[in-house]
Amino acid sequence: MGRLEAFGKWLRSMLCITFDHPPVIQACFGYITCARCGEQLGDNLTGIYNGSGQMLVGHDCDECDKARASLRPIDRLLTEGV
């Protein structure tokens, strides 16, 4: 990992720490992660994670469109897939 890449990861983590995680999530094999910093927020393996009101990256349904419309500018900053 280069210095610039490491700085970008640090900056995304600091944004999540300061302003909280955006309501934009990614899912892979049942694990739910933040689309900005990559931190694991929960899992769907037992069906207990409630992702209502959040936008799933790469998903184009009515609920995700509503969540995308309600994003704040700080939520869009350095967030992939928005």
PDB file of N, CA and C in Angstrom:
ATOM      1  N   MET A   1       0.856  -1.170   0.000  1.00  0.00           N
ATOM      2  CA  MET A   1       0.000   0.000   0.000  1.00  0.00           C
ATOM      3  C   MET A   1       0.903   1.235   0.000  1.00  0.00           C
ATOM      4  N   GLY A   2       0.689   2.107  -0.961  1.00  0.00           N
ATOM      5  CA  GLY A   2       1.472   3.321  -1.052  1.00  0.00           C
ATOM      6  C   GLY A   2       1.030   4.361  -0.034  1.00  0.00           C
ATOM      7  N   ARG A   3       1.837   5.394   0.076  1.00  0.00           N
ATOM      8  CA  ARG A   3       1.529   6.452   1.055  1.00  0.00           C
ATOM      9  C   ARG A   3       0.227   7.168   0.732  1.00  0.00           C
ATOM     10  N   LEU A   4       0.011   7.453  -0.550  1.00  0.00           N
ATOM     11  CA  LEU A   4      -1.207   8.164  -0.949  1.00  0.00           C
ATOM     12  C   LEU A   4      -2.447   7.310  -0.693  1.00  0.00           C
ATOM     13  N   GLU A   5      -2.345   6.029  -0.984  1.00  0.00           N
ATOM     14  CA  GLU A   5      -3.464   5.117  -0.745  1.00  0.00           C
ATOM     15  C   GLU A   5      -3.747   4.993   0.757  1.00  0.00           C
ATOM     16  N   ALA A   6      -2.694   4.909   1.543  1.00  0.00           N
ATOM     17  CA  ALA A   6      -2.852   4.829   2.999  1.00  0.00           C
ATOM     18  C   ALA A   6      -3.467   6.120   3.548  1.00  0.00           C
ATOM     19  N   PHE A   7      -3.070   7.263   3.001  1.00  0.00           N
ATOM     20  CA  PHE A   7      -3.645   8.540   3.435  1.00  0.00           C
ATOM     21  C   PHE A   7      -5.126   8.603   3.090  1.00  0.00           C
ATOM     22  N   GLY A   8      -5.506   8.110   1.910  1.00  0.00           N
ATOM     23  CA  GLY A   8      -6.918   8.103   1.512  1.00  0.00           C
ATOM     24  C   GLY A   8      -7.756   7.235   2.436  1.00  0.00           C
ATOM     25  N   LYS A   9      -7.240   6.072   2.819  1.00  0.00           N
ATOM     26  CA  LYS A   9      -7.954   5.194   3.750  1.00  0.00           C
ATOM     27  C   LYS A   9      -8.084   5.865   5.120  1.00  0.00           C
ATOM     28  N   TRP A  10      -7.013   6.508   5.560  1.00  0.00           N
ATOM     29  CA  TRP A  10      -7.046   7.223   6.837  1.00  0.00           C
ATOM     30  C   TRP A  10      -8.079   8.350   6.791  1.00  0.00           C
ATOM     31  N   LEU A  11      -8.098   9.117   5.694  1.00  0.00           N
ATOM     32  CA  LEU A  11      -9.028  10.235   5.553  1.00  0.00           C
ATOM     33  C   LEU A  11     -10.477   9.743   5.566  1.00  0.00           C
ATOM     34  N   ARG A  12     -10.770   8.656   4.843  1.00  0.00           N
ATOM     35  CA  ARG A  12     -12.131   8.108   4.842  1.00  0.00           C
ATOM     36  C   ARG A  12     -12.524   7.634   6.240  1.00  0.00           C
ATOM     37  N   SER A  13     -11.588   7.019   6.950  1.00  0.00           N
ATOM     38  CA  SER A  13     -11.875   6.569   8.316  1.00  0.00           C
ATOM     39  C   SER A  13     -12.143   7.752   9.235  1.00  0.00           C
ATOM     40  N   MET A  14     -11.376   8.827   9.093  1.00  0.00           N
ATOM     41  CA  MET A  14     -11.579  10.015   9.920  1.00  0.00           C
ATOM     42  C   MET A  14     -12.934  10.664   9.638  1.00  0.00           C
ATOM     43  N   LEU A  15     -13.368  10.661   8.379  1.00  0.00           N
ATOM     44  CA  LEU A  15     -14.697  11.207   8.061  1.00  0.00           C
ATOM     45  C   LEU A  15     -15.788  10.387   8.737  1.00  0.00           C
ATOM     46  N   CYS A  16     -15.638   9.058   8.737  1.00  0.00           N
ATOM     47  CA  CYS A  16     -16.644   8.209   9.384  1.00  0.00           C
ATOM     48  C   CYS A  16     -16.627   8.385  10.892  1.00  0.00           C
ATOM     49  N   ILE A  17     -15.446   8.561  11.467  1.00  0.00           N
ATOM     50  CA  ILE A  17     -15.360   8.760  12.912  1.00  0.00           C
ATOM     51  C   ILE A  17     -15.977  10.109  13.299  1.00  0.00           C
ATOM     52  N   THR A  18     -15.700  11.141  12.521  1.00  0.00           N
ATOM     53  CA  THR A  18     -16.158  12.488  12.840  1.00  0.00           C
ATOM     54  C   THR A  18     -17.646  12.690  12.555  1.00  0.00           C
ATOM     55  N   PHE A  19     -18.103  12.245  11.391  1.00  0.00           N
ATOM     56  CA  PHE A  19     -19.475  12.517  10.952  1.00  0.00           C
ATOM     57  C   PHE A  19     -20.371  11.286  10.956  1.00  0.00           C
ATOM     58  N   ASP A  20     -19.904  10.165  11.462  1.00  0.00           N
ATOM     59  CA  ASP A  20     -20.612   8.890  11.488  1.00  0.00           C
ATOM     60  C   ASP A  20     -20.620   8.275  10.080  1.00  0.00           C
ATOM     61  N   HIS A  21     -20.932   6.993  10.031  1.00  0.00           N
ATOM     62  CA  HIS A  21     -20.958   6.294   8.743  1.00  0.00           C
ATOM     63  C   HIS A  21     -22.132   6.803   7.912  1.00  0.00           C
ATOM     64  N   PRO A  22     -21.935   6.936   6.592  1.00  0.00           N
ATOM     65  CA  PRO A  22     -23.059   7.348   5.747  1.00  0.00           C
ATOM     66  C   PRO A  22     -24.049   6.192   5.621  1.00  0.00           C
ATOM     67  N   PRO A  23     -25.287   6.482   5.249  1.00  0.00           N
ATOM     68  CA  PRO A  23     -26.262   5.403   5.076  1.00  0.00           C
ATOM     69  C   PRO A  23     -26.094   4.693   3.729  1.00  0.00           C
ATOM     70  N   VAL A  24     -24.862   4.492   3.329  1.00  0.00           N
ATOM     71  CA  VAL A  24     -24.528   3.806   2.085  1.00  0.00           C
ATOM     72  C   VAL A  24     -23.718   2.574   2.470  1.00  0.00           C
ATOM     73  N   ILE A  25     -24.231   1.398   2.125  1.00  0.00           N
ATOM     74  CA  ILE A  25     -23.588   0.161   2.553  1.00  0.00           C
ATOM     75  C   ILE A  25     -23.238  -0.721   1.368  1.00  0.00           C
ATOM     76  N   GLN A  26     -22.325  -1.632   1.605  1.00  0.00           N
ATOM     77  CA  GLN A  26     -21.977  -2.663   0.638  1.00  0.00           C
ATOM     78  C   GLN A  26     -22.235  -4.002   1.298  1.00  0.00           C
ATOM     79  N   ALA A  27     -22.563  -5.002   0.498  1.00  0.00           N
ATOM     80  CA  ALA A  27     -22.814  -6.337   1.038  1.00  0.00           C
ATOM     81  C   ALA A  27     -22.015  -7.354   0.240  1.00  0.00           C
ATOM     82  N   CYS A  28     -21.366  -8.258   0.956  1.00  0.00           N
ATOM     83  CA  CYS A  28     -20.601  -9.328   0.319  1.00  0.00           C
ATOM     84  C   CYS A  28     -20.695 -10.571   1.193  1.00  0.00           C
ATOM     85  N   PHE A  29     -21.276 -11.633   0.670  1.00  0.00           N
ATOM     86  CA  PHE A  29     -21.435 -12.903   1.379  1.00  0.00           C
ATOM     87  C   PHE A  29     -22.123 -12.723   2.731  1.00  0.00           C
ATOM     88  N   GLY A  30     -23.074 -11.811   2.801  1.00  0.00           N
ATOM     89  CA  GLY A  30     -23.836 -11.611   4.026  1.00  0.00           C
ATOM     90  C   GLY A  30     -23.253 -10.599   4.992  1.00  0.00           C
ATOM     91  N   TYR A  31     -22.037 -10.128   4.741  1.00  0.00           N
ATOM     92  CA  TYR A  31     -21.422  -9.134   5.621  1.00  0.00           C
ATOM     93  C   TYR A  31     -21.729  -7.736   5.096  1.00  0.00           C
ATOM     94  N   ILE A  32     -22.144  -6.839   5.983  1.00  0.00           N
ATOM     95  CA  ILE A  32     -22.502  -5.468   5.631  1.00  0.00           C
ATOM     96  C   ILE A  32     -21.357  -4.552   6.046  1.00  0.00           C
ATOM     97  N   THR A  33     -20.833  -3.780   5.087  1.00  0.00           N
ATOM     98  CA  THR A  33     -19.724  -2.874   5.367  1.00  0.00           C
ATOM     99  C   THR A  33     -20.070  -1.462   4.929  1.00  0.00           C
ATOM    100  N   CYS A  34     -19.387  -0.496   5.524  1.00  0.00           N
ATOM    101  CA  CYS A  34     -19.535   0.910   5.157  1.00  0.00           C
ATOM    102  C   CYS A  34     -18.931   1.107   3.767  1.00  0.00           C
ATOM    103  N   ALA A  35     -19.633   1.829   2.902  1.00  0.00           N
ATOM    104  CA  ALA A  35     -19.135   2.062   1.547  1.00  0.00           C
ATOM    105  C   ALA A  35     -17.996   3.074   1.526  1.00  0.00           C
ATOM    106  N   ARG A  36     -17.825   3.846   2.602  1.00  0.00           N
ATOM    107  CA  ARG A  36     -16.758   4.841   2.641  1.00  0.00           C
ATOM    108  C   ARG A  36     -15.465   4.254   3.211  1.00  0.00           C
ATOM    109  N   CYS A  37     -15.523   3.721   4.417  1.00  0.00           N
ATOM    110  CA  CYS A  37     -14.284   3.283   5.078  1.00  0.00           C
ATOM    111  C   CYS A  37     -14.062   1.783   5.043  1.00  0.00           C
ATOM    112  N   GLY A  38     -15.095   0.997   4.734  1.00  0.00           N
ATOM    113  CA  GLY A  38     -14.944  -0.442   4.639  1.00  0.00           C
ATOM    114  C   GLY A  38     -15.098  -1.181   5.961  1.00  0.00           C
ATOM    115  N   GLU A  39     -15.413  -0.479   7.046  1.00  0.00           N
ATOM    116  CA  GLU A  39     -15.579  -1.128   8.345  1.00  0.00           C
ATOM    117  C   GLU A  39     -16.848  -1.989   8.337  1.00  0.00           C
ATOM    118  N   GLN A  40     -16.761  -3.160   8.966  1.00  0.00           N
ATOM    119  CA  GLN A  40     -17.917  -4.040   9.040  1.00  0.00           C
ATOM    120  C   GLN A  40     -18.935  -3.467  10.017  1.00  0.00           C
ATOM    121  N   LEU A  41     -20.168  -3.297   9.534  1.00  0.00           N
ATOM    122  CA  LEU A  41     -21.232  -2.730  10.352  1.00  0.00           C
ATOM    123  C   LEU A  41     -22.162  -3.805  10.910  1.00  0.00           C
ATOM    124  N   GLY A  42     -22.188  -4.951  10.304  1.00  0.00           N
ATOM    125  CA  GLY A  42     -23.063  -6.029  10.754  1.00  0.00           C
ATOM    126  C   GLY A  42     -23.023  -7.168   9.769  1.00  0.00           C
ATOM    127  N   ASP A  43     -23.883  -8.134   9.991  1.00  0.00           N
ATOM    128  CA  ASP A  43     -23.974  -9.231   9.037  1.00  0.00           C
ATOM    129  C   ASP A  43     -25.416  -9.665   8.882  1.00  0.00           C
ATOM    130  N   ASN A  44     -25.667 -10.288   7.769  1.00  0.00           N
ATOM    131  CA  ASN A  44     -26.992 -10.761   7.417  1.00  0.00           C
ATOM    132  C   ASN A  44     -27.038 -12.282   7.463  1.00  0.00           C
ATOM    133  N   LEU A  45     -26.056 -12.895   8.071  1.00  0.00           N
ATOM    134  CA  LEU A  45     -25.952 -14.344   8.059  1.00  0.00           C
ATOM    135  C   LEU A  45     -27.100 -14.996   8.826  1.00  0.00           C
ATOM    136  N   THR A  46     -27.552 -14.367   9.885  1.00  0.00           N
ATOM    137  CA  THR A  46     -28.671 -14.904  10.656  1.00  0.00           C
ATOM    138  C   THR A  46     -29.942 -14.091  10.442  1.00  0.00           C
ATOM    139  N   GLY A  47     -29.892 -13.117   9.554  1.00  0.00           N
ATOM    140  CA  GLY A  47     -31.069 -12.330   9.233  1.00  0.00           C
ATOM    141  C   GLY A  47     -31.423 -11.287  10.265  1.00  0.00           C
ATOM    142  N   ILE A  48     -30.447 -10.788  11.038  1.00  0.00           N
ATOM    143  CA  ILE A  48     -30.766  -9.836  12.097  1.00  0.00           C
ATOM    144  C   ILE A  48     -30.392  -8.394  11.748  1.00  0.00           C
ATOM    145  N   TYR A  49     -29.707  -8.154  10.620  1.00  0.00           N
ATOM    146  CA  TYR A  49     -29.319  -6.787  10.268  1.00  0.00           C
ATOM    147  C   TYR A  49     -30.470  -6.114   9.545  1.00  0.00           C
ATOM    148  N   ASN A  50     -30.890  -4.960  10.037  1.00  0.00           N
ATOM    149  CA  ASN A  50     -31.971  -4.197   9.428  1.00  0.00           C
ATOM    150  C   ASN A  50     -31.369  -3.049   8.636  1.00  0.00           C
ATOM    151  N   GLY A  51     -31.392  -3.144   7.333  1.00  0.00           N
ATOM    152  CA  GLY A  51     -30.804  -2.122   6.476  1.00  0.00           C
ATOM    153  C   GLY A  51     -31.820  -1.149   5.917  1.00  0.00           C
ATOM    154  N   SER A  52     -32.954  -1.003   6.577  1.00  0.00           N
ATOM    155  CA  SER A  52     -33.968  -0.077   6.057  1.00  0.00           C
ATOM    156  C   SER A  52     -33.466   1.359   6.179  1.00  0.00           C
ATOM    157  N   GLY A  53     -33.746   2.135   5.167  1.00  0.00           N
ATOM    158  CA  GLY A  53     -33.308   3.527   5.157  1.00  0.00           C
ATOM    159  C   GLY A  53     -31.876   3.704   4.695  1.00  0.00           C
ATOM    160  N   GLN A  54     -31.245   2.621   4.270  1.00  0.00           N
ATOM    161  CA  GLN A  54     -29.872   2.694   3.786  1.00  0.00           C
ATOM    162  C   GLN A  54     -29.827   2.313   2.317  1.00  0.00           C
ATOM    163  N   MET A  55     -28.856   2.859   1.621  1.00  0.00           N
ATOM    164  CA  MET A  55     -28.692   2.602   0.202  1.00  0.00           C
ATOM    165  C   MET A  55     -27.638   1.524   0.007  1.00  0.00           C
ATOM    166  N   LEU A  56     -27.975   0.485  -0.709  1.00  0.00           N
ATOM    167  CA  LEU A  56     -27.041  -0.583  -1.024  1.00  0.00           C
ATOM    168  C   LEU A  56     -26.361  -0.244  -2.342  1.00  0.00           C
ATOM    169  N   VAL A  57     -25.041  -0.208  -2.348  1.00  0.00           N
ATOM    170  CA  VAL A  57     -24.285   0.154  -3.551  1.00  0.00           C
ATOM    171  C   VAL A  57     -24.580  -0.846  -4.659  1.00  0.00           C
ATOM    172  N   GLY A  58     -24.905  -0.325  -5.839  1.00  0.00           N
ATOM    173  CA  GLY A  58     -25.195  -1.169  -6.994  1.00  0.00           C
ATOM    174  C   GLY A  58     -26.616  -1.689  -7.042  1.00  0.00           C
ATOM    175  N   HIS A  59     -27.456  -1.273  -6.130  1.00  0.00           N
ATOM    176  CA  HIS A  59     -28.835  -1.726  -6.065  1.00  0.00           C
ATOM    177  C   HIS A  59     -29.733  -0.606  -6.537  1.00  0.00           C
ATOM    178  N   ASP A  60     -30.725  -0.907  -7.341  1.00  0.00           N
ATOM    179  CA  ASP A  60     -31.581   0.133  -7.911  1.00  0.00           C
ATOM    180  C   ASP A  60     -33.048  -0.202  -7.670  1.00  0.00           C
ATOM    181  N   CYS A  61     -33.456  -0.097  -6.400  1.00  0.00           N
ATOM    182  CA  CYS A  61     -34.867  -0.323  -6.070  1.00  0.00           C
ATOM    183  C   CYS A  61     -35.448   0.978  -5.521  1.00  0.00           C
ATOM    184  N   ASP A  62     -36.742   0.972  -5.256  1.00  0.00           N
ATOM    185  CA  ASP A  62     -37.407   2.187  -4.765  1.00  0.00           C
ATOM    186  C   ASP A  62     -36.853   2.635  -3.421  1.00  0.00           C
ATOM    187  N   GLU A  63     -36.598   1.695  -2.510  1.00  0.00           N
ATOM    188  CA  GLU A  63     -36.085   2.040  -1.183  1.00  0.00           C
ATOM    189  C   GLU A  63     -34.681   2.652  -1.275  1.00  0.00           C
ATOM    190  N   CYS A  64     -33.839   2.104  -2.157  1.00  0.00           N
ATOM    191  CA  CYS A  64     -32.492   2.654  -2.321  1.00  0.00           C
ATOM    192  C   CYS A  64     -32.539   4.029  -2.974  1.00  0.00           C
ATOM    193  N   ASP A  65     -33.487   4.235  -3.894  1.00  0.00           N
ATOM    194  CA  ASP A  65     -33.642   5.550  -4.519  1.00  0.00           C
ATOM    195  C   ASP A  65     -34.075   6.602  -3.502  1.00  0.00           C
ATOM    196  N   LYS A  66     -34.946   6.227  -2.574  1.00  0.00           N
ATOM    197  CA  LYS A  66     -35.359   7.161  -1.515  1.00  0.00           C
ATOM    198  C   LYS A  66     -34.176   7.496  -0.615  1.00  0.00           C
ATOM    199  N   ALA A  67     -33.391   6.492  -0.275  1.00  0.00           N
ATOM    200  CA  ALA A  67     -32.219   6.722   0.575  1.00  0.00           C
ATOM    201  C   ALA A  67     -31.188   7.584  -0.146  1.00  0.00           C
ATOM    202  N   ARG A  68     -31.016   7.369  -1.461  1.00  0.00           N
ATOM    203  CA  ARG A  68     -30.067   8.164  -2.241  1.00  0.00           C
ATOM    204  C   ARG A  68     -30.496   9.625  -2.285  1.00  0.00           C
ATOM    205  N   ALA A  69     -31.795   9.868  -2.380  1.00  0.00           N
ATOM    206  CA  ALA A  69     -32.307  11.242  -2.437  1.00  0.00           C
ATOM    207  C   ALA A  69     -32.129  11.971  -1.104  1.00  0.00           C
ATOM    208  N   SER A  70     -32.082  11.230  -0.004  1.00  0.00           N
ATOM    209  CA  SER A  70     -31.977  11.874   1.309  1.00  0.00           C
ATOM    210  C   SER A  70     -30.537  11.985   1.813  1.00  0.00           C
ATOM    211  N   LEU A  71     -29.552  11.647   0.979  1.00  0.00           N
ATOM    212  CA  LEU A  71     -28.153  11.741   1.409  1.00  0.00           C
ATOM    213  C   LEU A  71     -27.725  13.194   1.578  1.00  0.00           C
ATOM    214  N   ARG A  72     -26.954  13.446   2.624  1.00  0.00           N
ATOM    215  CA  ARG A  72     -26.385  14.775   2.836  1.00  0.00           C
ATOM    216  C   ARG A  72     -25.111  14.901   2.013  1.00  0.00           C
ATOM    217  N   PRO A  73     -24.644  16.118   1.737  1.00  0.00           N
ATOM    218  CA  PRO A  73     -23.395  16.270   0.990  1.00  0.00           C
ATOM    219  C   PRO A  73     -22.204  15.578   1.669  1.00  0.00           C
ATOM    220  N   ILE A  74     -22.155  15.592   2.999  1.00  0.00           N
ATOM    221  CA  ILE A  74     -21.041  14.944   3.697  1.00  0.00           C
ATOM    222  C   ILE A  74     -21.116  13.431   3.520  1.00  0.00           C
ATOM    223  N   ASP A  75     -22.314  12.879   3.318  1.00  0.00           N
ATOM    224  CA  ASP A  75     -22.459  11.443   3.083  1.00  0.00           C
ATOM    225  C   ASP A  75     -21.879  11.036   1.728  1.00  0.00           C
ATOM    226  N   ARG A  76     -21.917  11.946   0.781  1.00  0.00           N
ATOM    227  CA  ARG A  76     -21.419  11.649  -0.566  1.00  0.00           C
ATOM    228  C   ARG A  76     -19.902  11.796  -0.685  1.00  0.00           C
ATOM    229  N   LEU A  77     -19.296  12.487   0.269  1.00  0.00           N
ATOM    230  CA  LEU A  77     -17.870  12.779   0.219  1.00  0.00           C
ATOM    231  C   LEU A  77     -17.043  11.497   0.390  1.00  0.00           C
ATOM    232  N   LEU A  78     -16.217  11.190  -0.591  1.00  0.00           N
ATOM    233  CA  LEU A  78     -15.322  10.031  -0.606  1.00  0.00           C
ATOM    234  C   LEU A  78     -16.047   8.698  -0.416  1.00  0.00           C
ATOM    235  N   THR A  79     -17.302   8.628  -0.793  1.00  0.00           N
ATOM    236  CA  THR A  79     -18.069   7.389  -0.678  1.00  0.00           C
ATOM    237  C   THR A  79     -18.212   6.766  -2.059  1.00  0.00           C
ATOM    238  N   GLU A  80     -17.833   5.505  -2.168  1.00  0.00           N
ATOM    239  CA  GLU A  80     -17.905   4.825  -3.451  1.00  0.00           C
ATOM    240  C   GLU A  80     -19.342   4.430  -3.784  1.00  0.00           C
ATOM    241  N   GLY A  81     -19.684   4.519  -5.040  1.00  0.00           N
ATOM    242  CA  GLY A  81     -20.980   4.033  -5.509  1.00  0.00           C
ATOM    243  C   GLY A  81     -22.150   4.962  -5.307  1.00  0.00           C
ATOM    244  N   VAL A  82     -21.901   6.235  -5.014  1.00  0.00           N
ATOM    245  CA  VAL A  82     -23.013   7.170  -4.810  1.00  0.00           C
ATOM    246  C   VAL A  82     -23.192   8.005  -6.042  1.00  0.00           C
TER     247      VAL A  82
END
